[in-house]
Amino acid sequence: MNKQAQIQITTTTAEPSYKPTDAQTERAAARRRFNRLYVYLPIWLLTAVILVLTGIMVWSVFTPAAAENAAFLSGVADLILIMVLLPSIILWGVIVGLPIAYYVNRYQERRKEPTPDQVYVRQYGRFRLILWQIDHKVEQLSQFIQERILPVIVRPIIRVHELAAALKAWWETLRS
């Protein structure tokens, strides 16, 4: 019985629930090529250069003329240190530079000619402008209700009153 179950499991093949389209597979292949060429390759090359420089430095330390190689070893060590720390230096430069650039940009924008909104804010105040905007929205809503919603509600009521007036007039004519 176990053998039959095993045979059934091995003979059944499951279809994937989603098959990517040709365009999606082409984009995925293009992304893989791009990543290999412009992301992974530079990382591997930089790693290889750092490892080679480290190997040269270690080899130079153990050679007999180590005293003469002191300046060379110092230069190689400095080069390795610069290559390892350069990404973090760039990152921190960007982190510090972005807020400075933001505030400089804001200062330059403020020095330009003010927009009409800024003129109104200076002339009337922000709170009064907000109240005027609310008033305008209430006016629009009131107009919408009067033009679109009230006729729909009032029309049946007017018809009922017309019918009641007609029935009352008919009843009065019958009684007289």
C-alpha atoms as a PDB file:
ATOM      1  CA  MET A   1       0.000   0.000   0.000  1.00  0.00           C
ATOM      2  CA  ASN A   2       2.846   2.351   0.795  1.00  0.00           C
ATOM      3  CA  LYS A   3       4.395   1.513  -2.550  1.00  0.00           C
ATOM      4  CA  GLN A   4       1.167   2.395  -4.392  1.00  0.00           C
ATOM      5  CA  ALA A   5       0.924   5.735  -2.602  1.00  0.00           C
ATOM      6  CA  GLN A   6       4.542   6.429  -3.443  1.00  0.00           C
ATOM      7  CA  ILE A   7       3.927   5.584  -7.104  1.00  0.00           C
ATOM      8  CA  GLN A   8       0.898   7.897  -7.184  1.00  0.00           C
ATOM      9  CA  ILE A   9       2.855  10.722  -5.644  1.00  0.00           C
ATOM     10  CA  THR A  10       5.707  10.363  -8.076  1.00  0.00           C
ATOM     11  CA  THR A  11       3.471  10.089 -11.147  1.00  0.00           C
ATOM     12  CA  THR A  12       1.254  13.103 -10.431  1.00  0.00           C
ATOM     13  CA  THR A  13       2.631  16.448 -11.455  1.00  0.00           C
ATOM     14  CA  ALA A  14       1.211  19.676 -10.141  1.00  0.00           C
ATOM     15  CA  GLU A  15       0.698  22.603 -12.463  1.00  0.00           C
ATOM     16  CA  PRO A  16       1.913  25.915 -11.130  1.00  0.00           C
ATOM     17  CA  SER A  17      -0.870  28.243 -10.046  1.00  0.00           C
ATOM     18  CA  TYR A  18       0.589  31.106 -12.064  1.00  0.00           C
ATOM     19  CA  LYS A  19       2.680  31.119 -15.198  1.00  0.00           C
ATOM     20  CA  PRO A  20       4.481  34.370 -16.038  1.00  0.00           C
ATOM     21  CA  THR A  21       3.908  35.867 -19.446  1.00  0.00           C
ATOM     22  CA  ASP A  22       6.669  36.115 -22.034  1.00  0.00           C
ATOM     23  CA  ALA A  23       7.081  39.827 -21.354  1.00  0.00           C
ATOM     24  CA  GLN A  24       7.475  39.161 -17.625  1.00  0.00           C
ATOM     25  CA  THR A  25      10.101  36.483 -18.193  1.00  0.00           C
ATOM     26  CA  GLU A  26      11.974  38.792 -20.595  1.00  0.00           C
ATOM     27  CA  ARG A  27      11.934  41.601 -18.015  1.00  0.00           C
ATOM     28  CA  ALA A  28      13.159  39.200 -15.331  1.00  0.00           C
ATOM     29  CA  ALA A  29      15.996  38.047 -17.590  1.00  0.00           C
ATOM     30  CA  ALA A  30      16.918  41.660 -18.400  1.00  0.00           C
ATOM     31  CA  ARG A  31      16.897  42.502 -14.672  1.00  0.00           C
ATOM     32  CA  ARG A  32      19.160  39.523 -13.927  1.00  0.00           C
ATOM     33  CA  ARG A  33      21.581  40.621 -16.683  1.00  0.00           C
ATOM     34  CA  PHE A  34      21.581  44.170 -15.360  1.00  0.00           C
ATOM     35  CA  ASN A  35      22.179  43.019 -11.782  1.00  0.00           C
ATOM     36  CA  ARG A  36      25.015  40.735 -12.855  1.00  0.00           C
ATOM     37  CA  LEU A  37      26.714  43.455 -14.899  1.00  0.00           C
ATOM     38  CA  TYR A  38      26.154  46.576 -12.820  1.00  0.00           C
ATOM     39  CA  VAL A  39      25.633  45.323  -9.255  1.00  0.00           C
ATOM     40  CA  TYR A  40      27.289  41.979  -8.625  1.00  0.00           C
ATOM     41  CA  LEU A  41      30.316  42.415 -10.919  1.00  0.00           C
ATOM     42  CA  PRO A  42      31.517  45.690  -9.312  1.00  0.00           C
ATOM     43  CA  ILE A  43      31.016  44.210  -5.838  1.00  0.00           C
ATOM     44  CA  TRP A  44      33.013  41.092  -6.761  1.00  0.00           C
ATOM     45  CA  LEU A  45      35.745  43.149  -8.425  1.00  0.00           C
ATOM     46  CA  LEU A  46      36.044  45.457  -5.405  1.00  0.00           C
ATOM     47  CA  THR A  47      36.134  42.458  -3.091  1.00  0.00           C
ATOM     48  CA  ALA A  48      38.804  40.799  -5.238  1.00  0.00           C
ATOM     49  CA  VAL A  49      40.911  43.981  -5.281  1.00  0.00           C
ATOM     50  CA  ILE A  50      40.640  44.315  -1.497  1.00  0.00           C
ATOM     51  CA  LEU A  51      41.570  40.649  -0.999  1.00  0.00           C
ATOM     52  CA  VAL A  52      44.533  40.934  -3.391  1.00  0.00           C
ATOM     53  CA  LEU A  53      45.760  44.076  -1.633  1.00  0.00           C
ATOM     54  CA  THR A  54      45.355  42.382   1.741  1.00  0.00           C
ATOM     55  CA  GLY A  55      47.288  39.373   0.449  1.00  0.00           C
ATOM     56  CA  ILE A  56      50.069  41.641  -0.871  1.00  0.00           C
ATOM     57  CA  MET A  57      50.200  43.388   2.481  1.00  0.00           C
ATOM     58  CA  VAL A  58      50.387  40.133   4.443  1.00  0.00           C
ATOM     59  CA  TRP A  59      53.022  38.742   2.060  1.00  0.00           C
ATOM     60  CA  SER A  60      55.096  41.936   2.375  1.00  0.00           C
ATOM     61  CA  VAL A  61      55.022  41.693   6.156  1.00  0.00           C
ATOM     62  CA  PHE A  62      56.586  38.237   6.141  1.00  0.00           C
ATOM     63  CA  THR A  63      59.285  38.925   3.557  1.00  0.00           C
ATOM     64  CA  PRO A  64      62.845  39.471   4.875  1.00  0.00           C
ATOM     65  CA  ALA A  65      63.004  43.121   3.833  1.00  0.00           C
ATOM     66  CA  ALA A  66      59.970  44.102   5.937  1.00  0.00           C
ATOM     67  CA  ALA A  67      61.658  47.262   7.230  1.00  0.00           C
ATOM     68  CA  GLU A  68      62.129  48.563   3.696  1.00  0.00           C
ATOM     69  CA  ASN A  69      58.517  47.784   2.854  1.00  0.00           C
ATOM     70  CA  ALA A  70      57.091  49.850   5.730  1.00  0.00           C
ATOM     71  CA  ALA A  71      56.074  52.749   3.507  1.00  0.00           C
ATOM     72  CA  PHE A  72      54.591  50.357   0.937  1.00  0.00           C
ATOM     73  CA  LEU A  73      52.670  48.489   3.667  1.00  0.00           C
ATOM     74  CA  SER A  74      51.355  51.750   5.089  1.00  0.00           C
ATOM     75  CA  GLY A  75      50.143  52.821   1.646  1.00  0.00           C
ATOM     76  CA  VAL A  76      48.460  49.475   0.984  1.00  0.00           C
ATOM     77  CA  ALA A  77      46.801  49.537   4.413  1.00  0.00           C
ATOM     78  CA  ASP A  78      45.590  53.081   3.786  1.00  0.00           C
ATOM     79  CA  LEU A  79      44.228  52.072   0.393  1.00  0.00           C
ATOM     80  CA  ILE A  80      42.362  49.099   1.898  1.00  0.00           C
ATOM     81  CA  LEU A  81      40.960  51.314   4.646  1.00  0.00           C
ATOM     82  CA  ILE A  82      39.781  53.927   2.151  1.00  0.00           C
ATOM     83  CA  MET A  83      38.114  51.307  -0.068  1.00  0.00           C
ATOM     84  CA  VAL A  84      36.324  49.729   2.886  1.00  0.00           C
ATOM     85  CA  LEU A  85      35.190  53.027   4.432  1.00  0.00           C
ATOM     86  CA  LEU A  86      34.264  54.841   1.199  1.00  0.00           C
ATOM     87  CA  PRO A  87      30.656  53.512   0.999  1.00  0.00           C
ATOM     88  CA  SER A  88      29.917  54.578   4.567  1.00  0.00           C
ATOM     89  CA  ILE A  89      31.541  57.981   3.990  1.00  0.00           C
ATOM     90  CA  ILE A  90      29.341  58.526   0.938  1.00  0.00           C
ATOM     91  CA  LEU A  91      26.258  57.349   2.822  1.00  0.00           C
ATOM     92  CA  TRP A  92      26.868  59.689   5.757  1.00  0.00           C
ATOM     93  CA  GLY A  93      27.625  62.534   3.367  1.00  0.00           C
ATOM     94  CA  VAL A  94      24.261  62.025   1.708  1.00  0.00           C
ATOM     95  CA  ILE A  95      22.484  61.717   5.070  1.00  0.00           C
ATOM     96  CA  VAL A  96      23.997  64.996   6.276  1.00  0.00           C
ATOM     97  CA  GLY A  97      23.699  66.727   2.900  1.00  0.00           C
ATOM     98  CA  LEU A  98      19.998  66.062   2.262  1.00  0.00           C
ATOM     99  CA  PRO A  99      18.628  68.167   5.150  1.00  0.00           C
ATOM    100  CA  ILE A 100      21.057  70.973   4.319  1.00  0.00           C
ATOM    101  CA  ALA A 101      19.981  70.904   0.660  1.00  0.00           C
ATOM    102  CA  TYR A 102      16.319  70.846   1.729  1.00  0.00           C
ATOM    103  CA  TYR A 103      16.661  73.950   3.913  1.00  0.00           C
ATOM    104  CA  VAL A 104      18.708  75.804   1.294  1.00  0.00           C
ATOM    105  CA  ASN A 105      16.042  75.002  -1.308  1.00  0.00           C
ATOM    106  CA  ARG A 106      13.263  76.197   1.007  1.00  0.00           C
ATOM    107  CA  TYR A 107      15.160  79.429   1.680  1.00  0.00           C
ATOM    108  CA  GLN A 108      15.629  80.048  -2.043  1.00  0.00           C
ATOM    109  CA  GLU A 109      11.950  79.309  -2.741  1.00  0.00           C
ATOM    110  CA  ARG A 110      10.881  81.788  -0.048  1.00  0.00           C
ATOM    111  CA  ARG A 111      13.019  84.519  -1.576  1.00  0.00           C
ATOM    112  CA  LYS A 112      11.219  84.189  -4.912  1.00  0.00           C
ATOM    113  CA  GLU A 113       8.090  86.145  -5.737  1.00  0.00           C
ATOM    114  CA  PRO A 114       5.238  84.915  -3.510  1.00  0.00           C
ATOM    115  CA  THR A 115       2.362  82.948  -4.973  1.00  0.00           C
ATOM    116  CA  PRO A 116      -1.191  84.338  -4.754  1.00  0.00           C
ATOM    117  CA  ASP A 117      -1.932  81.929  -1.906  1.00  0.00           C
ATOM    118  CA  GLN A 118       1.013  83.277   0.076  1.00  0.00           C
ATOM    119  CA  VAL A 119      -0.117  86.861  -0.605  1.00  0.00           C
ATOM    120  CA  TYR A 120      -3.615  86.066   0.682  1.00  0.00           C
ATOM    121  CA  VAL A 121      -2.201  84.351   3.760  1.00  0.00           C
ATOM    122  CA  ARG A 122      -0.085  87.412   4.531  1.00  0.00           C
ATOM    123  CA  GLN A 123      -2.959  89.803   3.841  1.00  0.00           C
ATOM    124  CA  TYR A 124      -5.865  88.028   5.582  1.00  0.00           C
ATOM    125  CA  GLY A 125      -4.317  85.303   7.742  1.00  0.00           C
ATOM    126  CA  ARG A 126      -4.445  81.530   7.420  1.00  0.00           C
ATOM    127  CA  PHE A 127      -7.406  81.051   9.795  1.00  0.00           C
ATOM    128  CA  ARG A 128      -9.648  83.473   7.888  1.00  0.00           C
ATOM    129  CA  LEU A 129      -8.751  81.763   4.588  1.00  0.00           C
ATOM    130  CA  ILE A 130      -9.666  78.379   6.058  1.00  0.00           C
ATOM    131  CA  LEU A 131     -13.010  79.789   7.231  1.00  0.00           C
ATOM    132  CA  TRP A 132     -13.637  81.225   3.756  1.00  0.00           C
ATOM    133  CA  GLN A 133     -12.841  77.865   2.170  1.00  0.00           C
ATOM    134  CA  ILE A 134     -15.280  76.139   4.538  1.00  0.00           C
ATOM    135  CA  ASP A 135     -17.924  78.772   3.717  1.00  0.00           C
ATOM    136  CA  HIS A 136     -17.378  78.189  -0.002  1.00  0.00           C
ATOM    137  CA  LYS A 137     -17.804  74.431   0.420  1.00  0.00           C
ATOM    138  CA  VAL A 138     -21.012  74.965   2.437  1.00  0.00           C
ATOM    139  CA  GLU A 139     -22.335  77.251  -0.314  1.00  0.00           C
ATOM    140  CA  GLN A 140     -21.564  74.621  -2.945  1.00  0.00           C
ATOM    141  CA  LEU A 141     -23.279  71.942  -0.868  1.00  0.00           C
ATOM    142  CA  SER A 142     -26.317  74.148  -0.302  1.00  0.00           C
ATOM    143  CA  GLN A 143     -26.573  74.912  -4.014  1.00  0.00           C
ATOM    144  CA  PHE A 144     -26.250  71.208  -4.863  1.00  0.00           C
ATOM    145  CA  ILE A 145     -28.996  70.313  -2.404  1.00  0.00           C
ATOM    146  CA  GLN A 146     -31.326  73.042  -3.714  1.00  0.00           C
ATOM    147  CA  GLU A 147     -30.776  72.202  -7.375  1.00  0.00           C
ATOM    148  CA  ARG A 148     -30.550  68.413  -7.331  1.00  0.00           C
ATOM    149  CA  ILE A 149     -31.874  66.823  -4.137  1.00  0.00           C
ATOM    150  CA  LEU A 150     -34.785  69.051  -3.040  1.00  0.00           C
ATOM    151  CA  PRO A 151     -36.687  68.799  -6.351  1.00  0.00           C
ATOM    152  CA  VAL A 152     -36.610  65.027  -6.075  1.00  0.00           C
ATOM    153  CA  ILE A 153     -37.958  65.162  -2.508  1.00  0.00           C
ATOM    154  CA  VAL A 154     -40.489  67.999  -3.040  1.00  0.00           C
ATOM    155  CA  ARG A 155     -42.076  66.747  -6.283  1.00  0.00           C
ATOM    156  CA  PRO A 156     -43.961  63.794  -4.678  1.00  0.00           C
ATOM    157  CA  ILE A 157     -45.103  65.981  -1.778  1.00  0.00           C
ATOM    158  CA  ILE A 158     -46.483  68.616  -4.179  1.00  0.00           C
ATOM    159  CA  ARG A 159     -48.326  65.912  -6.124  1.00  0.00           C
ATOM    160  CA  VAL A 160     -49.914  64.566  -2.933  1.00  0.00           C
ATOM    161  CA  HIS A 161     -51.022  68.095  -1.973  1.00  0.00           C
ATOM    162  CA  GLU A 162     -52.409  68.664  -5.487  1.00  0.00           C
ATOM    163  CA  LEU A 163     -54.335  65.423  -5.226  1.00  0.00           C
ATOM    164  CA  ALA A 164     -55.623  66.373  -1.772  1.00  0.00           C
ATOM    165  CA  ALA A 165     -56.707  69.823  -3.022  1.00  0.00           C
ATOM    166  CA  ALA A 166     -58.409  68.276  -6.046  1.00  0.00           C
ATOM    167  CA  LEU A 167     -60.235  65.727  -3.853  1.00  0.00           C
ATOM    168  CA  LYS A 168     -61.284  68.480  -1.434  1.00  0.00           C
ATOM    169  CA  ALA A 169     -62.580  70.617  -4.292  1.00  0.00           C
ATOM    170  CA  TRP A 170     -64.430  67.628  -5.762  1.00  0.00           C
ATOM    171  CA  TRP A 171     -65.931  66.834  -2.366  1.00  0.00           C
ATOM    172  CA  GLU A 172     -67.028  70.427  -1.906  1.00  0.00           C
ATOM    173  CA  THR A 173     -68.720  70.396  -5.302  1.00  0.00           C
ATOM    174  CA  LEU A 174     -70.531  67.169  -4.418  1.00  0.00           C
ATOM    175  CA  ARG A 175     -71.782  68.564  -1.113  1.00  0.00           C
ATOM    176  CA  SER A 176     -73.111  71.759  -2.581  1.00  0.00           C
END
